[in-house]
C-alpha atoms as a PDB file:
ATOM      1  CA  UNK A   1     101.292 -61.217 -40.673  1.00  0.00           C
ATOM      2  CA  UNK A   2     100.141 -58.132 -42.725  1.00  0.00           C
ATOM      3  CA  UNK A   3      96.429 -57.875 -43.515  1.00  0.00           C
ATOM      4  CA  UNK A   4      94.601 -54.974 -45.241  1.00  0.00           C
ATOM      5  CA  UNK A   5      91.797 -53.542 -43.230  1.00  0.00           C
ATOM      6  CA  UNK A   6      88.220 -54.436 -43.802  1.00  0.00           C
ATOM      7  CA  UNK A   7      85.897 -52.108 -45.349  1.00  0.00           C
ATOM      8  CA  UNK A   8      84.112 -51.528 -42.024  1.00  0.00           C
ATOM      9  CA  UNK A   9      87.458 -50.869 -40.344  1.00  0.00           C
ATOM     10  CA  UNK A  10      88.181 -48.431 -43.150  1.00  0.00           C
ATOM     11  CA  UNK A  11      85.088 -46.617 -42.840  1.00  0.00           C
ATOM     12  CA  UNK A  12      85.640 -45.993 -39.078  1.00  0.00           C
ATOM     13  CA  UNK A  13      89.188 -44.860 -39.927  1.00  0.00           C
ATOM     14  CA  UNK A  14      91.120 -47.968 -38.924  1.00  0.00           C
ATOM     15  CA  UNK A  15      92.701 -48.308 -35.598  1.00  0.00           C
ATOM     16  CA  UNK A  16      95.603 -45.694 -34.858  1.00  0.00           C
ATOM     17  CA  UNK A  17      98.325 -48.110 -33.935  1.00  0.00           C
ATOM     18  CA  UNK A  18      97.912 -50.249 -36.959  1.00  0.00           C
ATOM     19  CA  UNK A  19      97.766 -47.361 -39.376  1.00  0.00           C
ATOM     20  CA  UNK A  20     100.855 -46.086 -37.852  1.00  0.00           C
ATOM     21  CA  UNK A  21     102.647 -49.430 -37.919  1.00  0.00           C
ATOM     22  CA  UNK A  22     101.577 -49.666 -41.631  1.00  0.00           C
ATOM     23  CA  UNK A  23     102.968 -46.409 -42.363  1.00  0.00           C
ATOM     24  CA  UNK A  24     106.250 -47.194 -40.672  1.00  0.00           C
ATOM     25  CA  UNK A  25     106.548 -50.599 -42.375  1.00  0.00           C
ATOM     26  CA  UNK A  26     105.832 -48.920 -45.693  1.00  0.00           C
ATOM     27  CA  UNK A  27     108.367 -46.195 -45.112  1.00  0.00           C
ATOM     28  CA  UNK A  28     110.918 -48.761 -43.967  1.00  0.00           C
ATOM     29  CA  UNK A  29     110.433 -50.925 -47.010  1.00  0.00           C
ATOM     30  CA  UNK A  30     110.627 -47.897 -49.369  1.00  0.00           C
ATOM     31  CA  UNK A  31     114.064 -46.863 -47.761  1.00  0.00           C
ATOM     32  CA  UNK A  32     115.396 -50.256 -48.034  1.00  0.00           C
ATOM     33  CA  UNK A  33     114.426 -50.444 -51.807  1.00  0.00           C
ATOM     34  CA  UNK A  34     115.849 -47.169 -52.467  1.00  0.00           C
ATOM     35  CA  UNK A  35     119.139 -47.935 -50.637  1.00  0.00           C
ATOM     36  CA  UNK A  36     119.506 -51.298 -52.415  1.00  0.00           C
ATOM     37  CA  UNK A  37     118.669 -49.840 -55.922  1.00  0.00           C
ATOM     38  CA  UNK A  38     121.150 -46.765 -55.139  1.00  0.00           C
ATOM     39  CA  UNK A  39     123.933 -49.203 -54.112  1.00  0.00           C
ATOM     40  CA  UNK A  40     123.405 -51.346 -57.098  1.00  0.00           C
ATOM     41  CA  UNK A  41     123.711 -48.316 -59.337  1.00  0.00           C
ATOM     42  CA  UNK A  42     127.163 -47.702 -57.969  1.00  0.00           C
ATOM     43  CA  UNK A  43     129.807 -44.979 -57.986  1.00  0.00           C
ATOM     44  CA  UNK A  44     129.641 -44.244 -61.668  1.00  0.00           C
ATOM     45  CA  UNK A  45     125.822 -43.352 -61.673  1.00  0.00           C
ATOM     46  CA  UNK A  46     126.589 -41.124 -58.495  1.00  0.00           C
ATOM     47  CA  UNK A  47     129.297 -39.335 -60.433  1.00  0.00           C
ATOM     48  CA  UNK A  48     127.114 -38.934 -63.674  1.00  0.00           C
ATOM     49  CA  UNK A  49     124.311 -37.249 -61.346  1.00  0.00           C
ATOM     50  CA  UNK A  50     126.803 -35.130 -59.365  1.00  0.00           C
ATOM     51  CA  UNK A  51     128.207 -33.996 -62.719  1.00  0.00           C
ATOM     52  CA  UNK A  52     124.682 -33.030 -64.079  1.00  0.00           C
ATOM     53  CA  UNK A  53     123.899 -31.237 -61.081  1.00  0.00           C
ATOM     54  CA  UNK A  54     126.987 -29.193 -61.218  1.00  0.00           C
ATOM     55  CA  UNK A  55     126.347 -28.234 -64.872  1.00  0.00           C
ATOM     56  CA  UNK A  56     122.920 -27.240 -63.807  1.00  0.00           C
ATOM     57  CA  UNK A  57     124.160 -24.888 -61.024  1.00  0.00           C
ATOM     58  CA  UNK A  58     126.815 -23.356 -63.421  1.00  0.00           C
ATOM     59  CA  UNK A  59     123.901 -22.785 -66.179  1.00  0.00           C
ATOM     60  CA  UNK A  60     122.957 -19.167 -67.110  1.00  0.00           C
ATOM     61  CA  UNK A  61     119.241 -19.752 -66.452  1.00  0.00           C
ATOM     62  CA  UNK A  62     120.059 -21.185 -62.939  1.00  0.00           C
ATOM     63  CA  UNK A  63     122.281 -18.373 -62.159  1.00  0.00           C
ATOM     64  CA  UNK A  64     119.540 -15.927 -63.166  1.00  0.00           C
ATOM     65  CA  UNK A  65     116.987 -17.734 -61.080  1.00  0.00           C
ATOM     66  CA  UNK A  66     119.350 -17.745 -58.045  1.00  0.00           C
ATOM     67  CA  UNK A  67     119.943 -13.910 -58.360  1.00  0.00           C
ATOM     68  CA  UNK A  68     116.311 -13.132 -58.627  1.00  0.00           C
ATOM     69  CA  UNK A  69     115.471 -15.216 -55.557  1.00  0.00           C
ATOM     70  CA  UNK A  70     118.344 -13.478 -53.597  1.00  0.00           C
ATOM     71  CA  UNK A  71     117.121 -10.120 -54.778  1.00  0.00           C
ATOM     72  CA  UNK A  72     113.488 -11.023 -53.684  1.00  0.00           C
ATOM     73  CA  UNK A  73     114.640 -12.213 -50.247  1.00  0.00           C
ATOM     74  CA  UNK A  74     116.795  -8.997 -49.803  1.00  0.00           C
ATOM     75  CA  UNK A  75     113.790  -6.813 -50.673  1.00  0.00           C
ATOM     76  CA  UNK A  76     111.446  -8.877 -48.428  1.00  0.00           C
ATOM     77  CA  UNK A  77     113.825  -8.294 -45.536  1.00  0.00           C
ATOM     78  CA  UNK A  78     113.816  -4.612 -46.118  1.00  0.00           C
ATOM     79  CA  UNK A  79     117.331  -4.301 -47.357  1.00  0.00           C
ATOM     80  CA  UNK A  80     118.948  -1.440 -49.025  1.00  0.00           C
ATOM     81  CA  UNK A  81     117.645  -0.312 -52.392  1.00  0.00           C
ATOM     82  CA  UNK A  82     119.507  -1.981 -55.036  1.00  0.00           C
ATOM     83  CA  UNK A  83     119.700  -1.276 -58.869  1.00  0.00           C
ATOM     84  CA  UNK A  84     118.095  -3.987 -60.885  1.00  0.00           C
ATOM     85  CA  UNK A  85     119.290  -4.590 -64.471  1.00  0.00           C
ATOM     86  CA  UNK A  86     116.890  -6.522 -66.726  1.00  0.00           C
ATOM     87  CA  UNK A  87     118.853  -8.342 -69.550  1.00  0.00           C
ATOM     88  CA  UNK A  88     116.849  -9.584 -72.484  1.00  0.00           C
ATOM     89  CA  UNK A  89     118.255 -11.823 -75.103  1.00  0.00           C
ATOM     90  CA  UNK A  90     120.093  -9.885 -78.013  1.00  0.00           C
ATOM     91  CA  UNK A  91     119.401  -6.564 -76.325  1.00  0.00           C
ATOM     92  CA  UNK A  92     121.492  -4.140 -74.162  1.00  0.00           C
ATOM     93  CA  UNK A  93     120.928  -4.332 -70.397  1.00  0.00           C
ATOM     94  CA  UNK A  94     118.180  -1.908 -69.167  1.00  0.00           C
ATOM     95  CA  UNK A  95     118.299  -0.300 -65.795  1.00  0.00           C
ATOM     96  CA  UNK A  96     115.149  -0.430 -63.796  1.00  0.00           C
END
């Protein structure tokens, strides 16, 4: 049966095996609860989440963020010099 450690056991750091087993038990219970609740939500909720994720990936701010990250990675790796265009709202593109 599950029992919380006593205060003296906590002060010593608890036993290694018991701590590991409690962690695994908690992880298993959390996984099972998530699986159950996800299955209960059903296909309709899955499609709703998938559609929102797709809309996010197609949004202008996300595309800008993705381009900035890719440019940063390319520069970090020492790639070729690339021309960067800064686009501010309601203004013409500015070449940097």
